[in-house]
Amino acid sequence: MDHTAAARELYDDLPFHRENDIEVLEATSEGARTRWPFQESLVGNPEVPAIHGGVLSALADLTGAAPFCGALGRYTPTIDLRVDYLTHAGEADLEGEATVVRRGNTVGVADVQVTSDGRTVATAKGVYKLDR
């Protein structure tokens, strides 16, 4: 089921997402896709240059939560997030893709890939609280 409109409405309401032009491209019961446009302010290591790891973690988290937020029509707190940084993300837009692994009554789990310029730069597993 498509929950893109609901996820966009929730995410567009957050100042952090608006300020950084983060967008939900798609949110369904099975997963989500997001995009964070490159901005020079995201660079954490100018010698490489590489985007700061916290940016990758933030994108992984909000991408993993998007399928659950869209389906529920409300925000879902993050219980746990594990991020594996595989290589640096360069001066290109970041894209996130989440796949729902489990959707229970109280907890949802999603696997996430973050890509930059077509390369997977990080993978993550997010756990989200679904009940109130």
Protein backbone atom coordinates (compact mmCIF):
# COMPACT_ATOMS: atom_id res chain seq x y z
CA MET A 1 0.00 0.00 0.00
CA ASP A 2 1.30 3.50 -0.88
CA HIS A 3 1.89 5.79 2.10
CA THR A 4 4.04 8.37 0.29
CA ALA A 5 1.68 11.33 0.80
CA ALA A 6 1.32 10.66 4.54
CA ALA A 7 5.08 10.25 5.05
CA ARG A 8 5.83 13.41 3.04
CA GLU A 9 3.32 15.41 5.06
CA LEU A 10 4.88 14.29 8.36
CA TYR A 11 8.46 14.74 7.21
CA ASP A 12 7.86 18.10 5.50
CA ASP A 13 6.56 19.39 8.83
CA LEU A 14 9.95 18.87 10.53
CA PRO A 15 12.30 21.89 10.50
CA PHE A 16 15.38 19.63 10.17
CA HIS A 17 14.02 18.06 6.99
CA ARG A 18 12.86 21.38 5.52
CA GLU A 19 16.16 23.12 6.27
CA ASN A 20 18.12 20.35 4.54
CA ASP A 21 15.69 19.79 1.61
CA ILE A 22 15.32 16.11 2.58
CA GLU A 23 12.51 14.49 0.67
CA VAL A 24 10.54 11.26 0.80
CA LEU A 25 10.43 9.91 -2.74
CA GLU A 26 8.32 6.87 -1.89
CA ALA A 27 6.90 5.16 1.19
CA THR A 28 4.96 1.92 1.07
CA SER A 29 4.19 -0.90 3.50
CA GLU A 30 7.28 -2.69 2.16
CA GLY A 31 9.83 0.14 2.27
CA ALA A 32 10.81 3.70 1.42
CA ARG A 33 13.13 5.84 -0.68
CA THR A 34 14.52 9.24 0.31
CA ARG A 35 16.92 11.86 -1.03
CA TRP A 36 19.17 14.41 0.70
CA PRO A 37 20.63 16.88 -1.83
CA PHE A 38 24.33 17.58 -1.54
CA GLN A 39 25.25 20.77 0.28
CA GLU A 40 28.80 21.86 1.02
CA SER A 41 27.82 22.26 4.67
CA LEU A 42 27.47 18.45 4.92
CA VAL A 43 31.20 17.85 4.35
CA GLY A 44 32.90 16.51 7.47
CA ASN A 45 36.35 15.91 5.98
CA PRO A 46 37.40 18.52 3.40
CA GLU A 47 40.63 16.66 2.58
CA VAL A 48 38.78 13.79 0.89
CA PRO A 49 36.11 15.50 0.64
CA ALA A 50 33.65 13.30 2.50
CA ILE A 51 30.19 13.90 3.90
CA HIS A 52 30.02 13.71 7.70
CA GLY A 53 29.05 10.27 9.05
CA GLY A 54 26.28 11.79 11.16
CA VAL A 55 24.54 12.85 7.96
CA LEU A 56 24.61 9.26 6.69
CA SER A 57 23.26 8.04 10.03
CA ALA A 58 20.46 10.63 10.02
CA LEU A 59 19.42 9.68 6.49
CA ALA A 60 19.48 5.98 7.34
CA ASP A 61 17.30 6.61 10.40
CA LEU A 62 14.67 8.74 8.72
CA THR A 63 14.54 6.41 5.70
CA GLY A 64 14.06 3.36 7.93
CA ALA A 65 11.27 5.08 9.85
CA ALA A 66 9.41 6.37 6.75
CA PRO A 67 7.43 3.18 5.92
CA PHE A 68 6.17 2.99 9.50
CA CYS A 69 5.44 6.71 9.87
CA GLY A 70 3.56 6.75 6.58
CA ALA A 71 1.46 3.72 7.47
CA LEU A 72 0.66 4.97 10.99
CA GLY A 73 0.21 8.63 10.08
CA ARG A 74 2.42 9.67 13.01
CA TYR A 75 6.05 9.73 14.09
CA THR A 76 7.70 6.57 15.37
CA PRO A 77 10.51 6.77 17.94
CA THR A 78 13.75 5.02 17.09
CA ILE A 79 14.56 2.20 19.52
CA ASP A 80 17.88 1.21 17.97
CA LEU A 81 19.95 2.10 14.93
CA ARG A 82 23.09 0.33 13.80
CA VAL A 83 25.05 1.90 10.94
CA ASP A 84 27.96 0.34 9.05
CA TYR A 85 30.01 2.91 7.13
CA LEU A 86 31.40 1.20 4.04
CA THR A 87 33.18 4.04 2.23
CA HIS A 88 33.08 7.81 2.14
CA ALA A 89 30.20 9.69 0.52
CA GLY A 90 31.46 12.31 -1.90
CA GLU A 91 30.06 15.55 -3.24
CA ALA A 92 26.81 14.09 -4.58
CA ASP A 93 23.20 13.70 -3.46
CA LEU A 94 22.55 10.96 -0.93
CA GLU A 95 19.76 8.46 -1.45
CA GLY A 96 18.29 6.10 1.10
CA GLU A 97 16.36 2.91 0.46
CA ALA A 98 14.64 0.99 3.25
CA THR A 99 13.18 -2.50 3.19
CA VAL A 100 10.78 -3.49 5.96
CA VAL A 101 12.03 -6.70 7.59
CA ARG A 102 9.42 -6.96 10.33
CA ARG A 103 6.23 -5.12 11.22
CA GLY A 104 4.81 -6.31 14.51
CA ASN A 105 2.24 -4.77 16.82
CA THR A 106 4.81 -2.91 18.89
CA VAL A 107 8.06 -2.90 16.90
CA GLY A 108 9.08 -2.48 13.27
CA VAL A 109 12.48 -3.29 11.75
CA ALA A 110 13.94 -1.99 8.48
CA ASP A 111 17.18 -2.58 6.60
CA VAL A 112 18.55 0.53 4.90
CA GLN A 113 21.10 1.27 2.20
CA VAL A 114 22.53 4.76 1.72
CA THR A 115 24.06 5.51 -1.66
CA SER A 116 26.09 8.39 -3.05
CA ASP A 117 26.73 8.73 -6.76
CA GLY A 118 25.47 5.17 -7.32
CA ARG A 119 27.76 3.62 -4.66
CA THR A 120 26.56 2.08 -1.41
CA VAL A 121 28.31 4.11 1.29
CA ALA A 122 26.50 2.79 4.38
CA THR A 123 24.07 0.11 5.46
CA ALA A 124 21.90 0.21 8.56
CA LYS A 125 19.29 -1.64 10.58
CA GLY A 126 16.68 0.48 12.33
CA VAL A 127 14.24 -0.62 15.01
CA TYR A 128 11.18 1.57 15.57
CA LYS A 129 8.46 1.71 18.22
CA LEU A 130 5.04 1.29 16.63
CA ASP A 131 2.69 1.28 19.61
CA ARG A 132 1.91 4.34 21.64
